[in-house]
Amino acid sequence: MEIVNIEAQTFKAMISRLEAFAQRVEKICERQDKSLHRWLDNQDVCQILNISKRTLQTHRDNGTLAYMQINHKVFYKPEDVEKVINKLKQK
């Protein structure tokens, strides 16, 4: 283990910059959490539209329902689900 000595003033400056960085990260996380609540997952959309997962897959495949995939999880905007509901009502 290596021990490094620094001046108290330098240490305080490092701590204040680290705290400022942590606050910025927290603000970013708060914004992302709020925006993620607006997105729906497969289960939500299936329940809203009263359809199976396979039918939902068909809607994605034929372009009826827009989606975003992050890693292996699929998300939908509520506005896009509303559009599908309106299309289904018209039929």
PDB file of N, CA and C in Angstrom:
ATOM      1  N   MET A   1       0.851  -1.171   0.000  1.00  0.00           N
ATOM      2  CA  MET A   1       0.000   0.000   0.000  1.00  0.00           C
ATOM      3  C   MET A   1       0.896   1.234   0.000  1.00  0.00           C
ATOM      4  N   GLU A   2       0.486   2.203  -0.791  1.00  0.00           N
ATOM      5  CA  GLU A   2       1.258   3.431  -0.909  1.00  0.00           C
ATOM      6  C   GLU A   2       0.503   4.563  -0.218  1.00  0.00           C
ATOM      7  N   ILE A   3       1.196   5.357   0.563  1.00  0.00           N
ATOM      8  CA  ILE A   3       0.593   6.475   1.267  1.00  0.00           C
ATOM      9  C   ILE A   3       1.035   7.762   0.580  1.00  0.00           C
ATOM     10  N   VAL A   4       0.052   8.643   0.309  1.00  0.00           N
ATOM     11  CA  VAL A   4       0.327   9.904  -0.366  1.00  0.00           C
ATOM     12  C   VAL A   4      -0.110  11.034   0.551  1.00  0.00           C
ATOM     13  N   ASN A   5       0.762  11.975   0.787  1.00  0.00           N
ATOM     14  CA  ASN A   5       0.439  13.152   1.594  1.00  0.00           C
ATOM     15  C   ASN A   5       0.114  14.320   0.668  1.00  0.00           C
ATOM     16  N   ILE A   6      -1.000  15.007   0.985  1.00  0.00           N
ATOM     17  CA  ILE A   6      -1.344  16.216   0.234  1.00  0.00           C
ATOM     18  C   ILE A   6      -1.719  17.308   1.216  1.00  0.00           C
ATOM     19  N   GLU A   7      -1.655  18.525   0.766  1.00  0.00           N
ATOM     20  CA  GLU A   7      -2.004  19.650   1.626  1.00  0.00           C
ATOM     21  C   GLU A   7      -3.501  19.634   1.929  1.00  0.00           C
ATOM     22  N   ALA A   8      -3.863  20.159   3.065  1.00  0.00           N
ATOM     23  CA  ALA A   8      -5.267  20.194   3.480  1.00  0.00           C
ATOM     24  C   ALA A   8      -6.106  20.976   2.480  1.00  0.00           C
ATOM     25  N   GLN A   9      -5.572  22.063   1.969  1.00  0.00           N
ATOM     26  CA  GLN A   9      -6.300  22.892   1.004  1.00  0.00           C
ATOM     27  C   GLN A   9      -6.575  22.099  -0.280  1.00  0.00           C
ATOM     28  N   THR A  10      -5.602  21.337  -0.748  1.00  0.00           N
ATOM     29  CA  THR A  10      -5.770  20.516  -1.943  1.00  0.00           C
ATOM     30  C   THR A  10      -6.806  19.429  -1.699  1.00  0.00           C
ATOM     31  N   PHE A  11      -6.760  18.828  -0.501  1.00  0.00           N
ATOM     32  CA  PHE A  11      -7.732  17.782  -0.158  1.00  0.00           C
ATOM     33  C   PHE A  11      -9.149  18.351  -0.138  1.00  0.00           C
ATOM     34  N   LYS A  12      -9.319  19.550   0.471  1.00  0.00           N
ATOM     35  CA  LYS A  12     -10.642  20.177   0.515  1.00  0.00           C
ATOM     36  C   LYS A  12     -11.144  20.495  -0.888  1.00  0.00           C
ATOM     37  N   ALA A  13     -10.261  20.944  -1.774  1.00  0.00           N
ATOM     38  CA  ALA A  13     -10.648  21.239  -3.158  1.00  0.00           C
ATOM     39  C   ALA A  13     -11.087  19.966  -3.870  1.00  0.00           C
ATOM     40  N   MET A  14     -10.367  18.884  -3.638  1.00  0.00           N
ATOM     41  CA  MET A  14     -10.736  17.606  -4.254  1.00  0.00           C
ATOM     42  C   MET A  14     -12.103  17.141  -3.761  1.00  0.00           C
ATOM     43  N   ILE A  15     -12.353  17.264  -2.475  1.00  0.00           N
ATOM     44  CA  ILE A  15     -13.628  16.844  -1.902  1.00  0.00           C
ATOM     45  C   ILE A  15     -14.771  17.691  -2.464  1.00  0.00           C
ATOM     46  N   SER A  16     -14.574  19.005  -2.569  1.00  0.00           N
ATOM     47  CA  SER A  16     -15.659  19.852  -3.079  1.00  0.00           C
ATOM     48  C   SER A  16     -15.965  19.540  -4.542  1.00  0.00           C
ATOM     49  N   ARG A  17     -14.933  19.253  -5.338  1.00  0.00           N
ATOM     50  CA  ARG A  17     -15.174  18.893  -6.743  1.00  0.00           C
ATOM     51  C   ARG A  17     -15.888  17.547  -6.842  1.00  0.00           C
ATOM     52  N   LEU A  18     -15.530  16.620  -5.963  1.00  0.00           N
ATOM     53  CA  LEU A  18     -16.182  15.312  -5.953  1.00  0.00           C
ATOM     54  C   LEU A  18     -17.649  15.447  -5.545  1.00  0.00           C
ATOM     55  N   GLU A  19     -17.935  16.284  -4.576  1.00  0.00           N
ATOM     56  CA  GLU A  19     -19.322  16.511  -4.157  1.00  0.00           C
ATOM     57  C   GLU A  19     -20.129  17.168  -5.274  1.00  0.00           C
ATOM     58  N   ALA A  20     -19.529  18.118  -5.984  1.00  0.00           N
ATOM     59  CA  ALA A  20     -20.217  18.763  -7.104  1.00  0.00           C
ATOM     60  C   ALA A  20     -20.524  17.747  -8.205  1.00  0.00           C
ATOM     61  N   PHE A  21     -19.573  16.879  -8.464  1.00  0.00           N
ATOM     62  CA  PHE A  21     -19.779  15.825  -9.462  1.00  0.00           C
ATOM     63  C   PHE A  21     -20.910  14.891  -9.030  1.00  0.00           C
ATOM     64  N   ALA A  22     -20.914  14.510  -7.763  1.00  0.00           N
ATOM     65  CA  ALA A  22     -21.960  13.619  -7.248  1.00  0.00           C
ATOM     66  C   ALA A  22     -23.334  14.268  -7.371  1.00  0.00           C
ATOM     67  N   GLN A  23     -23.429  15.565  -7.118  1.00  0.00           N
ATOM     68  CA  GLN A  23     -24.707  16.270  -7.251  1.00  0.00           C
ATOM     69  C   GLN A  23     -25.189  16.289  -8.692  1.00  0.00           C
ATOM     70  N   ARG A  24     -24.266  16.485  -9.637  1.00  0.00           N
ATOM     71  CA  ARG A  24     -24.649  16.474 -11.056  1.00  0.00           C
ATOM     72  C   ARG A  24     -25.156  15.094 -11.468  1.00  0.00           C
ATOM     73  N   VAL A  25     -24.495  14.050 -10.995  1.00  0.00           N
ATOM     74  CA  VAL A  25     -24.929  12.685 -11.313  1.00  0.00           C
ATOM     75  C   VAL A  25     -26.309  12.425 -10.736  1.00  0.00           C
ATOM     76  N   GLU A  26     -26.561  12.873  -9.508  1.00  0.00           N
ATOM     77  CA  GLU A  26     -27.877  12.691  -8.901  1.00  0.00           C
ATOM     78  C   GLU A  26     -28.969  13.408  -9.695  1.00  0.00           C
ATOM     79  N   LYS A  27     -28.690  14.618 -10.178  1.00  0.00           N
ATOM     80  CA  LYS A  27     -29.670  15.358 -10.980  1.00  0.00           C
ATOM     81  C   LYS A  27     -29.986  14.622 -12.273  1.00  0.00           C
ATOM     82  N   ILE A  28     -28.951  14.078 -12.902  1.00  0.00           N
ATOM     83  CA  ILE A  28     -29.152  13.327 -14.141  1.00  0.00           C
ATOM     84  C   ILE A  28     -29.998  12.091 -13.871  1.00  0.00           C
ATOM     85  N   CYS A  29     -29.714  11.392 -12.789  1.00  0.00           N
ATOM     86  CA  CYS A  29     -30.473  10.185 -12.438  1.00  0.00           C
ATOM     87  C   CYS A  29     -31.924  10.523 -12.136  1.00  0.00           C
ATOM     88  N   GLU A  30     -32.165  11.641 -11.475  1.00  0.00           N
ATOM     89  CA  GLU A  30     -33.545  12.047 -11.189  1.00  0.00           C
ATOM     90  C   GLU A  30     -34.315  12.294 -12.473  1.00  0.00           C
ATOM     91  N   ARG A  31     -33.687  12.979 -13.438  1.00  0.00           N
ATOM     92  CA  ARG A  31     -34.348  13.246 -14.720  1.00  0.00           C
ATOM     93  C   ARG A  31     -34.647  11.955 -15.447  1.00  0.00           C
ATOM     94  N   GLN A  32     -33.715  11.018 -15.448  1.00  0.00           N
ATOM     95  CA  GLN A  32     -33.914   9.755 -16.161  1.00  0.00           C
ATOM     96  C   GLN A  32     -35.002   8.937 -15.500  1.00  0.00           C
ATOM     97  N   ASP A  33     -35.040   8.901 -14.171  1.00  0.00           N
ATOM     98  CA  ASP A  33     -36.073   8.141 -13.486  1.00  0.00           C
ATOM     99  C   ASP A  33     -37.453   8.665 -13.852  1.00  0.00           C
ATOM    100  N   LYS A  34     -37.608   9.993 -13.897  1.00  0.00           N
ATOM    101  CA  LYS A  34     -38.902  10.572 -14.240  1.00  0.00           C
ATOM    102  C   LYS A  34     -39.289  10.230 -15.667  1.00  0.00           C
ATOM    103  N   SER A  35     -38.340  10.285 -16.579  1.00  0.00           N
ATOM    104  CA  SER A  35     -38.669  10.006 -17.967  1.00  0.00           C
ATOM    105  C   SER A  35     -38.951   8.528 -18.192  1.00  0.00           C
ATOM    106  N   LEU A  36     -38.335   7.662 -17.424  1.00  0.00           N
ATOM    107  CA  LEU A  36     -38.588   6.232 -17.603  1.00  0.00           C
ATOM    108  C   LEU A  36     -39.982   5.852 -17.143  1.00  0.00           C
ATOM    109  N   HIS A  37     -40.564   6.604 -16.218  1.00  0.00           N
ATOM    110  CA  HIS A  37     -41.909   6.279 -15.759  1.00  0.00           C
ATOM    111  C   HIS A  37     -42.941   6.498 -16.856  1.00  0.00           C
ATOM    112  N   ARG A  38     -42.591   7.285 -17.850  1.00  0.00           N
ATOM    113  CA  ARG A  38     -43.524   7.525 -18.943  1.00  0.00           C
ATOM    114  C   ARG A  38     -43.514   6.379 -19.950  1.00  0.00           C
ATOM    115  N   TRP A  39     -42.508   5.544 -19.933  1.00  0.00           N
ATOM    116  CA  TRP A  39     -42.408   4.435 -20.881  1.00  0.00           C
ATOM    117  C   TRP A  39     -43.100   3.207 -20.315  1.00  0.00           C
ATOM    118  N   LEU A  40     -43.662   2.404 -21.202  1.00  0.00           N
ATOM    119  CA  LEU A  40     -44.365   1.174 -20.817  1.00  0.00           C
ATOM    120  C   LEU A  40     -43.559  -0.032 -21.281  1.00  0.00           C
ATOM    121  N   ASP A  41     -43.651  -1.139 -20.548  1.00  0.00           N
ATOM    122  CA  ASP A  41     -42.966  -2.363 -20.983  1.00  0.00           C
ATOM    123  C   ASP A  41     -43.988  -3.303 -21.631  1.00  0.00           C
ATOM    124  N   ASN A  42     -43.516  -4.478 -22.061  1.00  0.00           N
ATOM    125  CA  ASN A  42     -44.378  -5.443 -22.766  1.00  0.00           C
ATOM    126  C   ASN A  42     -45.626  -5.795 -21.962  1.00  0.00           C
ATOM    127  N   GLN A  43     -45.434  -6.083 -20.686  1.00  0.00           N
ATOM    128  CA  GLN A  43     -46.552  -6.501 -19.845  1.00  0.00           C
ATOM    129  C   GLN A  43     -47.601  -5.396 -19.745  1.00  0.00           C
ATOM    130  N   ASP A  44     -47.156  -4.166 -19.561  1.00  0.00           N
ATOM    131  CA  ASP A  44     -48.086  -3.041 -19.475  1.00  0.00           C
ATOM    132  C   ASP A  44     -48.920  -2.915 -20.749  1.00  0.00           C
ATOM    133  N   VAL A  45     -48.243  -2.977 -21.898  1.00  0.00           N
ATOM    134  CA  VAL A  45     -48.937  -2.798 -23.174  1.00  0.00           C
ATOM    135  C   VAL A  45     -49.900  -3.957 -23.429  1.00  0.00           C
ATOM    136  N   CYS A  46     -49.490  -5.163 -23.117  1.00  0.00           N
ATOM    137  CA  CYS A  46     -50.385  -6.320 -23.292  1.00  0.00           C
ATOM    138  C   CYS A  46     -51.651  -6.155 -22.457  1.00  0.00           C
ATOM    139  N   GLN A  47     -51.502  -5.672 -21.240  1.00  0.00           N
ATOM    140  CA  GLN A  47     -52.671  -5.472 -20.379  1.00  0.00           C
ATOM    141  C   GLN A  47     -53.552  -4.335 -20.896  1.00  0.00           C
ATOM    142  N   ILE A  48     -52.933  -3.257 -21.333  1.00  0.00           N
ATOM    143  CA  ILE A  48     -53.699  -2.113 -21.825  1.00  0.00           C
ATOM    144  C   ILE A  48     -54.489  -2.484 -23.072  1.00  0.00           C
ATOM    145  N   LEU A  49     -53.829  -3.171 -24.010  1.00  0.00           N
ATOM    146  CA  LEU A  49     -54.478  -3.526 -25.270  1.00  0.00           C
ATOM    147  C   LEU A  49     -55.257  -4.835 -25.194  1.00  0.00           C
ATOM    148  N   ASN A  50     -55.091  -5.552 -24.091  1.00  0.00           N
ATOM    149  CA  ASN A  50     -55.739  -6.857 -23.904  1.00  0.00           C
ATOM    150  C   ASN A  50     -55.368  -7.817 -25.041  1.00  0.00           C
ATOM    151  N   ILE A  51     -54.053  -7.923 -25.270  1.00  0.00           N
ATOM    152  CA  ILE A  51     -53.534  -8.811 -26.312  1.00  0.00           C
ATOM    153  C   ILE A  51     -52.435  -9.697 -25.729  1.00  0.00           C
ATOM    154  N   SER A  52     -52.063 -10.718 -26.481  1.00  0.00           N
ATOM    155  CA  SER A  52     -50.991 -11.614 -26.042  1.00  0.00           C
ATOM    156  C   SER A  52     -49.627 -11.028 -26.399  1.00  0.00           C
ATOM    157  N   LYS A  53     -48.594 -11.619 -25.834  1.00  0.00           N
ATOM    158  CA  LYS A  53     -47.236 -11.178 -26.155  1.00  0.00           C
ATOM    159  C   LYS A  53     -46.918 -11.405 -27.626  1.00  0.00           C
ATOM    160  N   ARG A  54     -47.440 -12.482 -28.182  1.00  0.00           N
ATOM    161  CA  ARG A  54     -47.198 -12.783 -29.595  1.00  0.00           C
ATOM    162  C   ARG A  54     -47.856 -11.749 -30.503  1.00  0.00           C
ATOM    163  N   THR A  55     -49.069 -11.326 -30.170  1.00  0.00           N
ATOM    164  CA  THR A  55     -49.744 -10.285 -30.945  1.00  0.00           C
ATOM    165  C   THR A  55     -48.978  -8.967 -30.841  1.00  0.00           C
ATOM    166  N   LEU A  56     -48.464  -8.690 -29.668  1.00  0.00           N
ATOM    167  CA  LEU A  56     -47.655  -7.494 -29.482  1.00  0.00           C
ATOM    168  C   LEU A  56     -46.409  -7.556 -30.350  1.00  0.00           C
ATOM    169  N   GLN A  57     -45.796  -8.722 -30.429  1.00  0.00           N
ATOM    170  CA  GLN A  57     -44.631  -8.920 -31.293  1.00  0.00           C
ATOM    171  C   GLN A  57     -45.003  -8.652 -32.753  1.00  0.00           C
ATOM    172  N   THR A  58     -46.169  -9.102 -33.170  1.00  0.00           N
ATOM    173  CA  THR A  58     -46.640  -8.867 -34.536  1.00  0.00           C
ATOM    174  C   THR A  58     -46.800  -7.376 -34.807  1.00  0.00           C
ATOM    175  N   HIS A  59     -47.361  -6.647 -33.849  1.00  0.00           N
ATOM    176  CA  HIS A  59     -47.508  -5.194 -34.001  1.00  0.00           C
ATOM    177  C   HIS A  59     -46.151  -4.514 -34.147  1.00  0.00           C
ATOM    178  N   ARG A  60     -45.160  -5.004 -33.413  1.00  0.00           N
ATOM    179  CA  ARG A  60     -43.811  -4.443 -33.549  1.00  0.00           C
ATOM    180  C   ARG A  60     -43.228  -4.787 -34.905  1.00  0.00           C
ATOM    181  N   ASP A  61     -43.376  -6.044 -35.321  1.00  0.00           N
ATOM    182  CA  ASP A  61     -42.786  -6.511 -36.583  1.00  0.00           C
ATOM    183  C   ASP A  61     -43.354  -5.789 -37.799  1.00  0.00           C
ATOM    184  N   ASN A  62     -44.670  -5.554 -37.800  1.00  0.00           N
ATOM    185  CA  ASN A  62     -45.266  -4.920 -38.991  1.00  0.00           C
ATOM    186  C   ASN A  62     -45.279  -3.392 -38.911  1.00  0.00           C
ATOM    187  N   GLY A  63     -44.687  -2.817 -37.842  1.00  0.00           N
ATOM    188  CA  GLY A  63     -44.559  -1.375 -37.736  1.00  0.00           C
ATOM    189  C   GLY A  63     -45.781  -0.670 -37.193  1.00  0.00           C
ATOM    190  N   THR A  64     -46.751  -1.412 -36.723  1.00  0.00           N
ATOM    191  CA  THR A  64     -47.952  -0.806 -36.162  1.00  0.00           C
ATOM    192  C   THR A  64     -47.640  -0.068 -34.870  1.00  0.00           C
ATOM    193  N   LEU A  65     -46.716  -0.604 -34.098  1.00  0.00           N
ATOM    194  CA  LEU A  65     -46.387  -0.032 -32.797  1.00  0.00           C
ATOM    195  C   LEU A  65     -44.896   0.263 -32.716  1.00  0.00           C
ATOM    196  N   ALA A  66     -44.560   1.533 -32.522  1.00  0.00           N
ATOM    197  CA  ALA A  66     -43.157   1.932 -32.379  1.00  0.00           C
ATOM    198  C   ALA A  66     -42.657   1.505 -31.004  1.00  0.00           C
ATOM    199  N   TYR A  67     -41.375   1.217 -30.928  1.00  0.00           N
ATOM    200  CA  TYR A  67     -40.790   0.775 -29.663  1.00  0.00           C
ATOM    201  C   TYR A  67     -39.316   1.135 -29.605  1.00  0.00           C
ATOM    202  N   MET A  68     -38.756   1.006 -28.412  1.00  0.00           N
ATOM    203  CA  MET A  68     -37.327   1.194 -28.217  1.00  0.00           C
ATOM    204  C   MET A  68     -36.828  -0.001 -27.411  1.00  0.00           C
ATOM    205  N   GLN A  69     -35.694  -0.518 -27.820  1.00  0.00           N
ATOM    206  CA  GLN A  69     -35.127  -1.662 -27.115  1.00  0.00           C
ATOM    207  C   GLN A  69     -33.825  -1.243 -26.446  1.00  0.00           C
ATOM    208  N   ILE A  70     -33.750  -1.486 -25.146  1.00  0.00           N
ATOM    209  CA  ILE A  70     -32.541  -1.229 -24.375  1.00  0.00           C
ATOM    210  C   ILE A  70     -32.097  -2.558 -23.812  1.00  0.00           C
ATOM    211  N   ASN A  71     -30.891  -2.967 -24.210  1.00  0.00           N
ATOM    212  CA  ASN A  71     -30.411  -4.321 -23.943  1.00  0.00           C
ATOM    213  C   ASN A  71     -31.429  -5.284 -24.531  1.00  0.00           C
ATOM    214  N   HIS A  72     -32.068  -6.088 -23.712  1.00  0.00           N
ATOM    215  CA  HIS A  72     -33.052  -7.037 -24.240  1.00  0.00           C
ATOM    216  C   HIS A  72     -34.466  -6.690 -23.784  1.00  0.00           C
ATOM    217  N   LYS A  73     -34.642  -5.493 -23.243  1.00  0.00           N
ATOM    218  CA  LYS A  73     -35.958  -5.080 -22.755  1.00  0.00           C
ATOM    219  C   LYS A  73     -36.555  -4.065 -23.727  1.00  0.00           C
ATOM    220  N   VAL A  74     -37.837  -4.234 -24.011  1.00  0.00           N
ATOM    221  CA  VAL A  74     -38.541  -3.396 -24.984  1.00  0.00           C
ATOM    222  C   VAL A  74     -39.442  -2.418 -24.238  1.00  0.00           C
ATOM    223  N   PHE A  75     -39.421  -1.153 -24.673  1.00  0.00           N
ATOM    224  CA  PHE A  75     -40.243  -0.108 -24.073  1.00  0.00           C
ATOM    225  C   PHE A  75     -41.061   0.598 -25.147  1.00  0.00           C
ATOM    226  N   TYR A  76     -42.212   1.142 -24.728  1.00  0.00           N
ATOM    227  CA  TYR A  76     -43.131   1.822 -25.631  1.00  0.00           C
ATOM    228  C   TYR A  76     -43.540   3.155 -25.028  1.00  0.00           C
ATOM    229  N   LYS A  77     -43.709   4.165 -25.887  1.00  0.00           N
ATOM    230  CA  LYS A  77     -44.228   5.448 -25.430  1.00  0.00           C
ATOM    231  C   LYS A  77     -45.744   5.320 -25.293  1.00  0.00           C
ATOM    232  N   PRO A  78     -46.311   5.897 -24.251  1.00  0.00           N
ATOM    233  CA  PRO A  78     -47.776   5.852 -24.097  1.00  0.00           C
ATOM    234  C   PRO A  78     -48.512   6.458 -25.288  1.00  0.00           C
ATOM    235  N   GLU A  79     -47.921   7.500 -25.915  1.00  0.00           N
ATOM    236  CA  GLU A  79     -48.572   8.118 -27.071  1.00  0.00           C
ATOM    237  C   GLU A  79     -48.705   7.129 -28.223  1.00  0.00           C
ATOM    238  N   ASP A  80     -47.675   6.295 -28.416  1.00  0.00           N
ATOM    239  CA  ASP A  80     -47.715   5.310 -29.495  1.00  0.00           C
ATOM    240  C   ASP A  80     -48.755   4.232 -29.211  1.00  0.00           C
ATOM    241  N   VAL A  81     -48.904   3.878 -27.941  1.00  0.00           N
ATOM    242  CA  VAL A  81     -49.931   2.894 -27.569  1.00  0.00           C
ATOM    243  C   VAL A  81     -51.309   3.495 -27.810  1.00  0.00           C
ATOM    244  N   GLU A  82     -51.471   4.779 -27.502  1.00  0.00           N
ATOM    245  CA  GLU A  82     -52.746   5.461 -27.764  1.00  0.00           C
ATOM    246  C   GLU A  82     -53.101   5.412 -29.250  1.00  0.00           C
ATOM    247  N   LYS A  83     -52.109   5.613 -30.116  1.00  0.00           N
ATOM    248  CA  LYS A  83     -52.340   5.556 -31.562  1.00  0.00           C
ATOM    249  C   LYS A  83     -52.859   4.182 -31.977  1.00  0.00           C
ATOM    250  N   VAL A  84     -52.277   3.138 -31.408  1.00  0.00           N
ATOM    251  CA  VAL A  84     -52.718   1.774 -31.733  1.00  0.00           C
ATOM    252  C   VAL A  84     -54.144   1.558 -31.241  1.00  0.00           C
ATOM    253  N   ILE A  85     -54.455   2.063 -30.058  1.00  0.00           N
ATOM    254  CA  ILE A  85     -55.819   1.940 -29.524  1.00  0.00           C
ATOM    255  C   ILE A  85     -56.803   2.609 -30.476  1.00  0.00           C
ATOM    256  N   ASN A  86     -56.465   3.799 -30.947  1.00  0.00           N
ATOM    257  CA  ASN A  86     -57.339   4.516 -31.886  1.00  0.00           C
ATOM    258  C   ASN A  86     -57.506   3.748 -33.188  1.00  0.00           C
ATOM    259  N   LYS A  87     -56.425   3.142 -33.698  1.00  0.00           N
ATOM    260  CA  LYS A  87     -56.497   2.348 -34.933  1.00  0.00           C
ATOM    261  C   LYS A  87     -57.388   1.144 -34.736  1.00  0.00           C
ATOM    262  N   LEU A  88     -57.267   0.499 -33.579  1.00  0.00           N
ATOM    263  CA  LEU A  88     -58.085  -0.689 -33.309  1.00  0.00           C
ATOM    264  C   LEU A  88     -59.566  -0.312 -33.157  1.00  0.00           C
ATOM    265  N   LYS A  89     -59.840   0.857 -32.595  1.00  0.00           N
ATOM    266  CA  LYS A  89     -61.218   1.316 -32.453  1.00  0.00           C
ATOM    267  C   LYS A  89     -61.847   1.600 -33.801  1.00  0.00           C
ATOM    268  N   GLN A  90     -61.039   2.123 -34.745  1.00  0.00           N
ATOM    269  CA  GLN A  90     -61.555   2.440 -36.078  1.00  0.00           C
ATOM    270  C   GLN A  90     -61.942   1.179 -36.846  1.00  0.00           C
ATOM    271  N   LYS A  91     -61.246   0.092 -36.588  1.00  0.00           N
ATOM    272  CA  LYS A  91     -61.561  -1.164 -37.282  1.00  0.00           C
ATOM    273  C   LYS A  91     -62.820  -1.714 -36.708  1.00  0.00           C
TER     274      LYS A  91
END
